[in-house]
Amino acid sequence: NSRYITNAPPAITGVMHSPVLPQAGQPIVVTASINDPDGVASAAVEYRIDPSTSYASVPMTLTSNGTYIATIPAQLSGTMVAYYVQATDGAATPATGTFPANPPAEECLVRVGEFQPTGNFPLYRIWMTQATLNKWLSENHMNNSPFDVTFVADDDRVIYDTQALYAGSPYIAPGYTGPMGVACGYAITFPDDDLFLGSDEMVLDWAGGHDGETTALQEEMGYWIADQINLPFSHRYIIRLHVNGTTDRKSTRLN
């Protein structure tokens, strides 16, 4: 049995921060479910202020409903907080586990000071650390190695440990100037146990601008017409996209 170990670490699930979009001066509350047959001896949130690599530790306490909770102190607007949850069981030979599984390569991210605009279009956010951004900028645009990011939908859904990379053909991708530069396409992969819209992947791309189309609506209208007359069509809809607080320079569509 290649998976057998003498003592498995605590299972850490349901990790979440609240509010989803904390504002300047507002504490960040982290909650998690932590379970182990030998009990949980200790749990903590290890956090840092990116790009610093030094972590501070906040002990987690067990609430009456069985959830562990800790509070990260309030931060200034524009701050990127990176954190992970760590727990140790009560066995004679203790085992320690983390969520995400491989910090600091994988971390949960929270960006302070994001706003939720009015309107009906969904707003998707991609948050990444400075180290991830630097690596993304240095690699070839057609490199399909994914980067660890946090994905946020509006102000009520966060998916940590998400993978992102450029989506585009060799014709388009060389014109990309970085995740926070000119509008570009993204391929997103979600964790198997935290799907989004019922799927573990999606593509974000910009609408319009192709073959003289400047309205960003003609292609969508064509798909709608095809749907109405029972012809094959692509299911796409318009969203807004922010990357580390930077607004995408064009309308964005989801495939």
C-alpha atoms as a PDB file:
ATOM      1  CA  ASN A   1       0.000   0.000   0.000  1.00  0.00           C
ATOM      2  CA  SER A   2       1.928   3.010  -1.265  1.00  0.00           C
ATOM      3  CA  ARG A   3      -0.349   5.441   0.622  1.00  0.00           C
ATOM      4  CA  TYR A   4       0.140   3.932   4.081  1.00  0.00           C
ATOM      5  CA  ILE A   5       1.675   6.130   6.758  1.00  0.00           C
ATOM      6  CA  THR A   6       1.832   5.496  10.495  1.00  0.00           C
ATOM      7  CA  ASN A   7       0.071   8.722  11.435  1.00  0.00           C
ATOM      8  CA  ALA A   8      -1.646  11.026   8.961  1.00  0.00           C
ATOM      9  CA  PRO A   9      -1.737  14.757   9.779  1.00  0.00           C
ATOM     10  CA  PRO A  10      -5.010  16.541  10.560  1.00  0.00           C
ATOM     11  CA  ALA A  11      -7.449  17.025   7.697  1.00  0.00           C
ATOM     12  CA  ILE A  12      -7.849  20.757   7.043  1.00  0.00           C
ATOM     13  CA  THR A  13     -10.904  21.653   4.945  1.00  0.00           C
ATOM     14  CA  GLY A  14     -13.291  24.521   4.298  1.00  0.00           C
ATOM     15  CA  VAL A  15     -10.638  27.206   4.691  1.00  0.00           C
ATOM     16  CA  MET A  16     -12.116  30.653   4.099  1.00  0.00           C
ATOM     17  CA  HIS A  17     -11.453  34.293   4.917  1.00  0.00           C
ATOM     18  CA  SER A  18     -14.062  36.931   5.743  1.00  0.00           C
ATOM     19  CA  PRO A  19     -14.927  39.434   4.497  1.00  0.00           C
ATOM     20  CA  VAL A  20     -14.051  38.270   1.000  1.00  0.00           C
ATOM     21  CA  LEU A  21     -13.021  41.839   0.111  1.00  0.00           C
ATOM     22  CA  PRO A  22     -11.637  43.371   3.315  1.00  0.00           C
ATOM     23  CA  GLN A  23     -11.192  47.105   3.361  1.00  0.00           C
ATOM     24  CA  ALA A  24      -8.402  49.153   4.945  1.00  0.00           C
ATOM     25  CA  GLY A  25      -8.513  48.892   8.713  1.00  0.00           C
ATOM     26  CA  GLN A  26     -10.772  45.819   8.656  1.00  0.00           C
ATOM     27  CA  PRO A  27      -9.553  42.598  10.352  1.00  0.00           C
ATOM     28  CA  ILE A  28      -9.488  39.405   8.257  1.00  0.00           C
ATOM     29  CA  VAL A  29     -11.165  36.424   9.929  1.00  0.00           C
ATOM     30  CA  VAL A  30      -9.942  32.985   8.812  1.00  0.00           C
ATOM     31  CA  THR A  31     -12.032  29.878   9.509  1.00  0.00           C
ATOM     32  CA  ALA A  32     -11.383  26.182   8.870  1.00  0.00           C
ATOM     33  CA  SER A  33     -12.621  22.709   9.742  1.00  0.00           C
ATOM     34  CA  ILE A  34      -9.819  20.616  11.261  1.00  0.00           C
ATOM     35  CA  ASN A  35     -10.242  16.962  12.185  1.00  0.00           C
ATOM     36  CA  ASP A  36      -7.999  14.127  13.357  1.00  0.00           C
ATOM     37  CA  PRO A  37      -8.697  10.800  15.111  1.00  0.00           C
ATOM     38  CA  ASP A  38      -6.037  11.709  17.699  1.00  0.00           C
ATOM     39  CA  GLY A  39      -7.510  15.145  18.280  1.00  0.00           C
ATOM     40  CA  VAL A  40      -6.069  18.513  17.338  1.00  0.00           C
ATOM     41  CA  ALA A  41      -3.281  19.651  19.644  1.00  0.00           C
ATOM     42  CA  SER A  42      -2.714  23.008  17.981  1.00  0.00           C
ATOM     43  CA  ALA A  43      -3.745  25.050  14.957  1.00  0.00           C
ATOM     44  CA  ALA A  44      -2.585  28.394  13.655  1.00  0.00           C
ATOM     45  CA  VAL A  45      -2.746  30.771  10.733  1.00  0.00           C
ATOM     46  CA  GLU A  46       0.697  31.615   9.412  1.00  0.00           C
ATOM     47  CA  TYR A  47       0.542  34.858   7.440  1.00  0.00           C
ATOM     48  CA  ARG A  48       2.882  37.326   5.771  1.00  0.00           C
ATOM     49  CA  ILE A  49       2.576  40.656   4.013  1.00  0.00           C
ATOM     50  CA  ASP A  50       3.723  40.098   0.446  1.00  0.00           C
ATOM     51  CA  PRO A  51       6.457  40.500  -0.786  1.00  0.00           C
ATOM     52  CA  SER A  52       8.002  39.935   2.661  1.00  0.00           C
ATOM     53  CA  THR A  53       8.879  36.272   3.246  1.00  0.00           C
ATOM     54  CA  SER A  54       8.616  36.483   7.057  1.00  0.00           C
ATOM     55  CA  TYR A  55       5.541  34.864   8.606  1.00  0.00           C
ATOM     56  CA  ALA A  56       3.642  35.869  11.711  1.00  0.00           C
ATOM     57  CA  SER A  57       1.549  33.299  13.564  1.00  0.00           C
ATOM     58  CA  VAL A  58      -1.985  33.667  14.952  1.00  0.00           C
ATOM     59  CA  PRO A  59      -3.325  30.738  17.032  1.00  0.00           C
ATOM     60  CA  MET A  60      -6.679  29.314  15.987  1.00  0.00           C
ATOM     61  CA  THR A  61      -9.336  28.614  18.600  1.00  0.00           C
ATOM     62  CA  LEU A  62     -12.157  26.102  18.476  1.00  0.00           C
ATOM     63  CA  THR A  63     -15.632  27.649  18.376  1.00  0.00           C
ATOM     64  CA  SER A  64     -18.843  26.165  19.737  1.00  0.00           C
ATOM     65  CA  ASN A  65     -19.885  24.965  16.259  1.00  0.00           C
ATOM     66  CA  GLY A  66     -16.670  22.966  15.772  1.00  0.00           C
ATOM     67  CA  THR A  67     -14.941  25.463  13.476  1.00  0.00           C
ATOM     68  CA  TYR A  68     -11.468  26.812  14.107  1.00  0.00           C
ATOM     69  CA  ILE A  69     -11.037  30.563  13.837  1.00  0.00           C
ATOM     70  CA  ALA A  70      -8.252  33.161  13.869  1.00  0.00           C
ATOM     71  CA  THR A  71      -8.014  36.856  13.012  1.00  0.00           C
ATOM     72  CA  ILE A  72      -5.327  38.469  10.879  1.00  0.00           C
ATOM     73  CA  PRO A  73      -4.855  42.125  11.921  1.00  0.00           C
ATOM     74  CA  ALA A  74      -6.217  44.889   9.703  1.00  0.00           C
ATOM     75  CA  GLN A  75      -3.962  46.079   6.881  1.00  0.00           C
ATOM     76  CA  LEU A  76      -3.592  49.071   4.578  1.00  0.00           C
ATOM     77  CA  SER A  77      -5.385  49.303   1.240  1.00  0.00           C
ATOM     78  CA  GLY A  78      -3.465  47.588  -1.558  1.00  0.00           C
ATOM     79  CA  THR A  79      -1.806  45.102   0.793  1.00  0.00           C
ATOM     80  CA  MET A  80      -1.554  41.484  -0.366  1.00  0.00           C
ATOM     81  CA  VAL A  81      -1.810  39.085   2.554  1.00  0.00           C
ATOM     82  CA  ALA A  82      -0.565  35.525   1.982  1.00  0.00           C
ATOM     83  CA  TYR A  83      -1.412  32.843   4.534  1.00  0.00           C
ATOM     84  CA  TYR A  84      -1.755  29.133   5.199  1.00  0.00           C
ATOM     85  CA  VAL A  85      -3.376  27.086   7.959  1.00  0.00           C
ATOM     86  CA  GLN A  86      -1.209  24.683   9.954  1.00  0.00           C
ATOM     87  CA  ALA A  87      -2.428  22.031  12.410  1.00  0.00           C
ATOM     88  CA  THR A  88      -0.781  19.355  14.562  1.00  0.00           C
ATOM     89  CA  ASP A  89      -2.538  16.304  15.968  1.00  0.00           C
ATOM     90  CA  GLY A  90      -2.409  14.903  19.496  1.00  0.00           C
ATOM     91  CA  ALA A  91      -0.697  11.592  18.747  1.00  0.00           C
ATOM     92  CA  ALA A  92       2.307  10.378  20.730  1.00  0.00           C
ATOM     93  CA  THR A  93       4.367  11.079  17.627  1.00  0.00           C
ATOM     94  CA  PRO A  94       2.603  14.186  16.323  1.00  0.00           C
ATOM     95  CA  ALA A  95       1.945  14.837  12.659  1.00  0.00           C
ATOM     96  CA  THR A  96       1.568  18.326  11.197  1.00  0.00           C
ATOM     97  CA  GLY A  97      -0.362  19.269   8.069  1.00  0.00           C
ATOM     98  CA  THR A  98      -1.065  22.476   6.192  1.00  0.00           C
ATOM     99  CA  PHE A  99      -3.577  23.991   3.802  1.00  0.00           C
ATOM    100  CA  PRO A 100      -2.593  24.558   1.077  1.00  0.00           C
ATOM    101  CA  ALA A 101      -0.356  21.496   1.038  1.00  0.00           C
ATOM    102  CA  ASN A 102       2.916  23.110  -0.042  1.00  0.00           C
ATOM    103  CA  PRO A 103       3.518  26.559   1.431  1.00  0.00           C
ATOM    104  CA  PRO A 104       5.111  28.895   0.510  1.00  0.00           C
ATOM    105  CA  ALA A 105       4.808  27.683  -3.097  1.00  0.00           C
ATOM    106  CA  GLU A 106       1.050  27.472  -2.491  1.00  0.00           C
ATOM    107  CA  GLU A 107      -0.718  30.035  -0.307  1.00  0.00           C
ATOM    108  CA  CYS A 108      -4.143  31.569   0.274  1.00  0.00           C
ATOM    109  CA  LEU A 109      -4.204  35.202  -0.821  1.00  0.00           C
ATOM    110  CA  VAL A 110      -6.253  38.196   0.331  1.00  0.00           C
ATOM    111  CA  ARG A 111      -5.927  41.633  -1.263  1.00  0.00           C
ATOM    112  CA  VAL A 112      -7.084  44.535   0.893  1.00  0.00           C
ATOM    113  CA  GLY A 113      -9.061  47.445  -0.518  1.00  0.00           C
ATOM    114  CA  GLU A 114     -10.745  45.810  -3.532  1.00  0.00           C
ATOM    115  CA  PHE A 115     -14.107  47.312  -4.468  1.00  0.00           C
ATOM    116  CA  GLN A 116     -17.283  45.695  -5.802  1.00  0.00           C
ATOM    117  CA  PRO A 117     -18.770  47.923  -8.539  1.00  0.00           C
ATOM    118  CA  THR A 118     -22.459  48.163  -9.271  1.00  0.00           C
ATOM    119  CA  GLY A 119     -24.021  46.605 -12.354  1.00  0.00           C
ATOM    120  CA  ASN A 120     -25.077  43.180 -13.585  1.00  0.00           C
ATOM    121  CA  PHE A 121     -21.808  41.948 -15.105  1.00  0.00           C
ATOM    122  CA  PRO A 122     -19.928  39.493 -12.855  1.00  0.00           C
ATOM    123  CA  LEU A 123     -16.540  40.624 -11.632  1.00  0.00           C
ATOM    124  CA  TYR A 124     -13.797  38.004 -11.478  1.00  0.00           C
ATOM    125  CA  ARG A 125     -10.495  38.623  -9.719  1.00  0.00           C
ATOM    126  CA  ILE A 126      -7.132  36.911  -9.980  1.00  0.00           C
ATOM    127  CA  TRP A 127      -4.726  37.486  -7.085  1.00  0.00           C
ATOM    128  CA  MET A 128      -1.076  36.464  -7.202  1.00  0.00           C
ATOM    129  CA  THR A 129       2.038  37.128  -5.132  1.00  0.00           C
ATOM    130  CA  GLN A 130       4.868  39.353  -6.339  1.00  0.00           C
ATOM    131  CA  ALA A 131       7.078  36.275  -6.710  1.00  0.00           C
ATOM    132  CA  THR A 132       4.471  34.634  -8.942  1.00  0.00           C
ATOM    133  CA  LEU A 133       4.090  37.790 -11.007  1.00  0.00           C
ATOM    134  CA  ASN A 134       7.867  38.067 -11.446  1.00  0.00           C
ATOM    135  CA  LYS A 135       8.126  34.451 -12.559  1.00  0.00           C
ATOM    136  CA  TRP A 136       5.165  34.860 -14.926  1.00  0.00           C
ATOM    137  CA  LEU A 137       6.815  37.892 -16.528  1.00  0.00           C
ATOM    138  CA  SER A 138      10.122  36.078 -16.980  1.00  0.00           C
ATOM    139  CA  GLU A 139       8.799  32.944 -18.683  1.00  0.00           C
ATOM    140  CA  ASN A 140       7.986  32.404 -22.336  1.00  0.00           C
ATOM    141  CA  HIS A 141       4.418  33.451 -23.134  1.00  0.00           C
ATOM    142  CA  MET A 142       3.625  30.037 -24.624  1.00  0.00           C
ATOM    143  CA  ASN A 143       4.903  28.140 -21.580  1.00  0.00           C
ATOM    144  CA  ASN A 144       2.043  25.991 -20.271  1.00  0.00           C
ATOM    145  CA  SER A 145       3.357  25.682 -16.718  1.00  0.00           C
ATOM    146  CA  PRO A 146       0.574  26.933 -14.421  1.00  0.00           C
ATOM    147  CA  PHE A 147       0.944  29.509 -11.656  1.00  0.00           C
ATOM    148  CA  ASP A 148      -0.659  29.302  -8.211  1.00  0.00           C
ATOM    149  CA  VAL A 149      -3.261  32.064  -7.748  1.00  0.00           C
ATOM    150  CA  THR A 150      -6.400  32.822  -5.763  1.00  0.00           C
ATOM    151  CA  PHE A 151      -9.625  33.256  -7.751  1.00  0.00           C
ATOM    152  CA  VAL A 152     -12.474  35.460  -6.508  1.00  0.00           C
ATOM    153  CA  ALA A 153     -15.968  35.800  -7.975  1.00  0.00           C
ATOM    154  CA  ASP A 154     -17.637  39.096  -7.074  1.00  0.00           C
ATOM    155  CA  ASP A 155     -17.534  39.583  -3.305  1.00  0.00           C
ATOM    156  CA  ASP A 156     -18.841  36.209  -2.155  1.00  0.00           C
ATOM    157  CA  ARG A 157     -16.736  33.327  -3.545  1.00  0.00           C
ATOM    158  CA  VAL A 158     -13.054  32.559  -3.067  1.00  0.00           C
ATOM    159  CA  ILE A 159     -11.212  29.568  -4.537  1.00  0.00           C
ATOM    160  CA  TYR A 160      -7.671  29.094  -3.245  1.00  0.00           C
ATOM    161  CA  ASP A 161      -4.997  26.925  -4.837  1.00  0.00           C
ATOM    162  CA  THR A 162      -6.253  27.774  -8.338  1.00  0.00           C
ATOM    163  CA  GLN A 163      -3.916  27.386 -11.319  1.00  0.00           C
ATOM    164  CA  ALA A 164      -3.665  30.017 -14.069  1.00  0.00           C
ATOM    165  CA  LEU A 165      -1.668  30.569 -17.252  1.00  0.00           C
ATOM    166  CA  TYR A 166      -1.926  32.437 -20.532  1.00  0.00           C
ATOM    167  CA  ALA A 167      -4.469  31.163 -23.040  1.00  0.00           C
ATOM    168  CA  GLY A 168      -3.750  32.040 -26.643  1.00  0.00           C
ATOM    169  CA  SER A 169      -2.315  30.971 -29.946  1.00  0.00           C
ATOM    170  CA  PRO A 170       1.282  31.639 -31.069  1.00  0.00           C
ATOM    171  CA  TYR A 171      -0.230  34.442 -33.180  1.00  0.00           C
ATOM    172  CA  ILE A 172      -1.729  36.261 -30.180  1.00  0.00           C
ATOM    173  CA  ALA A 173       0.373  35.412 -27.126  1.00  0.00           C
ATOM    174  CA  PRO A 174       3.635  37.179 -28.151  1.00  0.00           C
ATOM    175  CA  GLY A 175       1.759  40.479 -27.829  1.00  0.00           C
ATOM    176  CA  TYR A 176       0.973  39.896 -24.141  1.00  0.00           C
ATOM    177  CA  THR A 177       2.834  42.246 -21.806  1.00  0.00           C
ATOM    178  CA  GLY A 178       2.110  40.473 -18.537  1.00  0.00           C
ATOM    179  CA  PRO A 179      -0.895  39.474 -16.422  1.00  0.00           C
ATOM    180  CA  MET A 180      -1.429  43.125 -15.493  1.00  0.00           C
ATOM    181  CA  GLY A 181      -0.528  44.561 -18.911  1.00  0.00           C
ATOM    182  CA  VAL A 182      -2.565  44.648 -22.102  1.00  0.00           C
ATOM    183  CA  ALA A 183      -5.699  42.502 -22.226  1.00  0.00           C
ATOM    184  CA  CYS A 184      -4.841  38.828 -22.531  1.00  0.00           C
ATOM    185  CA  GLY A 185      -6.466  35.424 -22.319  1.00  0.00           C
ATOM    186  CA  TYR A 186      -6.232  33.108 -19.316  1.00  0.00           C
ATOM    187  CA  ALA A 187      -6.734  29.387 -18.837  1.00  0.00           C
ATOM    188  CA  ILE A 188      -7.945  28.683 -15.302  1.00  0.00           C
ATOM    189  CA  THR A 189      -7.963  25.317 -13.517  1.00  0.00           C
ATOM    190  CA  PHE A 190      -9.809  24.885 -10.224  1.00  0.00           C
ATOM    191  CA  PRO A 191      -9.212  22.240  -7.528  1.00  0.00           C
ATOM    192  CA  ASP A 192     -11.169  19.030  -8.067  1.00  0.00           C
ATOM    193  CA  ASP A 193     -12.954  19.525  -4.737  1.00  0.00           C
ATOM    194  CA  ASP A 194     -13.840  23.191  -5.312  1.00  0.00           C
ATOM    195  CA  LEU A 195     -15.443  23.505  -8.743  1.00  0.00           C
ATOM    196  CA  PHE A 196     -16.693  26.758 -10.250  1.00  0.00           C
ATOM    197  CA  LEU A 197     -19.922  26.761 -12.295  1.00  0.00           C
ATOM    198  CA  GLY A 198     -19.776  22.968 -12.103  1.00  0.00           C
ATOM    199  CA  SER A 199     -16.430  22.741 -13.892  1.00  0.00           C
ATOM    200  CA  ASP A 200     -12.764  22.422 -12.970  1.00  0.00           C
ATOM    201  CA  GLU A 201     -11.583  24.700 -15.771  1.00  0.00           C
ATOM    202  CA  MET A 202     -12.507  27.737 -17.846  1.00  0.00           C
ATOM    203  CA  VAL A 203     -11.019  30.150 -20.354  1.00  0.00           C
ATOM    204  CA  LEU A 204     -11.137  33.933 -20.002  1.00  0.00           C
ATOM    205  CA  ASP A 205     -10.616  35.919 -23.179  1.00  0.00           C
ATOM    206  CA  TRP A 206     -11.344  39.424 -24.390  1.00  0.00           C
ATOM    207  CA  ALA A 207     -14.362  40.202 -26.509  1.00  0.00           C
ATOM    208  CA  GLY A 208     -14.328  42.066 -29.808  1.00  0.00           C
ATOM    209  CA  GLY A 209     -11.329  43.579 -31.486  1.00  0.00           C
ATOM    210  CA  HIS A 210     -10.986  40.751 -34.008  1.00  0.00           C
ATOM    211  CA  ASP A 211     -11.407  41.249 -37.757  1.00  0.00           C
ATOM    212  CA  GLY A 212     -12.575  44.827 -37.304  1.00  0.00           C
ATOM    213  CA  GLU A 213     -15.274  43.943 -34.751  1.00  0.00           C
ATOM    214  CA  THR A 214     -15.289  46.836 -32.273  1.00  0.00           C
ATOM    215  CA  THR A 215     -18.595  46.479 -30.429  1.00  0.00           C
ATOM    216  CA  ALA A 216     -17.758  43.300 -28.462  1.00  0.00           C
ATOM    217  CA  LEU A 217     -21.353  42.242 -29.174  1.00  0.00           C
ATOM    218  CA  GLN A 218     -21.471  40.851 -32.712  1.00  0.00           C
ATOM    219  CA  GLU A 219     -19.889  37.525 -31.818  1.00  0.00           C
ATOM    220  CA  GLU A 220     -22.151  37.113 -28.802  1.00  0.00           C
ATOM    221  CA  MET A 221     -25.180  37.934 -30.957  1.00  0.00           C
ATOM    222  CA  GLY A 222     -24.108  35.319 -33.481  1.00  0.00           C
ATOM    223  CA  TYR A 223     -23.933  32.640 -30.784  1.00  0.00           C
ATOM    224  CA  TRP A 224     -27.343  33.696 -29.443  1.00  0.00           C
ATOM    225  CA  ILE A 225     -28.903  33.403 -32.905  1.00  0.00           C
ATOM    226  CA  ALA A 226     -27.344  29.963 -33.386  1.00  0.00           C
ATOM    227  CA  ASP A 227     -28.784  28.867 -30.041  1.00  0.00           C
ATOM    228  CA  GLN A 228     -32.250  30.127 -30.978  1.00  0.00           C
ATOM    229  CA  ILE A 229     -32.323  28.065 -34.199  1.00  0.00           C
ATOM    230  CA  ASN A 230     -30.825  24.965 -32.544  1.00  0.00           C
ATOM    231  CA  LEU A 231     -27.397  25.167 -34.175  1.00  0.00           C
ATOM    232  CA  PRO A 232     -24.130  24.437 -32.338  1.00  0.00           C
ATOM    233  CA  PHE A 233     -22.879  27.500 -30.462  1.00  0.00           C
ATOM    234  CA  SER A 234     -20.301  28.512 -27.894  1.00  0.00           C
ATOM    235  CA  HIS A 235     -21.594  29.278 -24.409  1.00  0.00           C
ATOM    236  CA  ARG A 236     -19.942  32.568 -23.506  1.00  0.00           C
ATOM    237  CA  TYR A 237     -20.879  35.566 -21.429  1.00  0.00           C
ATOM    238  CA  ILE A 238     -19.391  38.940 -20.633  1.00  0.00           C
ATOM    239  CA  ILE A 239     -17.606  39.493 -17.329  1.00  0.00           C
ATOM    240  CA  ARG A 240     -15.277  42.073 -15.820  1.00  0.00           C
ATOM    241  CA  LEU A 241     -11.765  41.032 -14.815  1.00  0.00           C
ATOM    242  CA  HIS A 242      -9.359  42.521 -12.263  1.00  0.00           C
ATOM    243  CA  VAL A 243      -5.833  41.174 -11.746  1.00  0.00           C
ATOM    244  CA  ASN A 244      -4.232  42.302  -8.470  1.00  0.00           C
ATOM    245  CA  GLY A 245      -6.546  45.294  -8.522  1.00  0.00           C
ATOM    246  CA  THR A 246      -5.736  46.253 -12.123  1.00  0.00           C
ATOM    247  CA  THR A 247      -8.749  46.454 -14.416  1.00  0.00           C
ATOM    248  CA  ASP A 248      -8.512  44.535 -17.676  1.00  0.00           C
ATOM    249  CA  ARG A 249      -8.360  47.050 -20.489  1.00  0.00           C
ATOM    250  CA  LYS A 250     -11.097  45.392 -22.545  1.00  0.00           C
ATOM    251  CA  SER A 251     -14.352  43.566 -21.945  1.00  0.00           C
ATOM    252  CA  THR A 252     -13.740  39.940 -21.089  1.00  0.00           C
ATOM    253  CA  ARG A 253     -15.690  36.839 -21.944  1.00  0.00           C
ATOM    254  CA  LEU A 254     -15.852  33.442 -20.359  1.00  0.00           C
ATOM    255  CA  ASN A 255     -15.772  30.251 -22.442  1.00  0.00           C
END
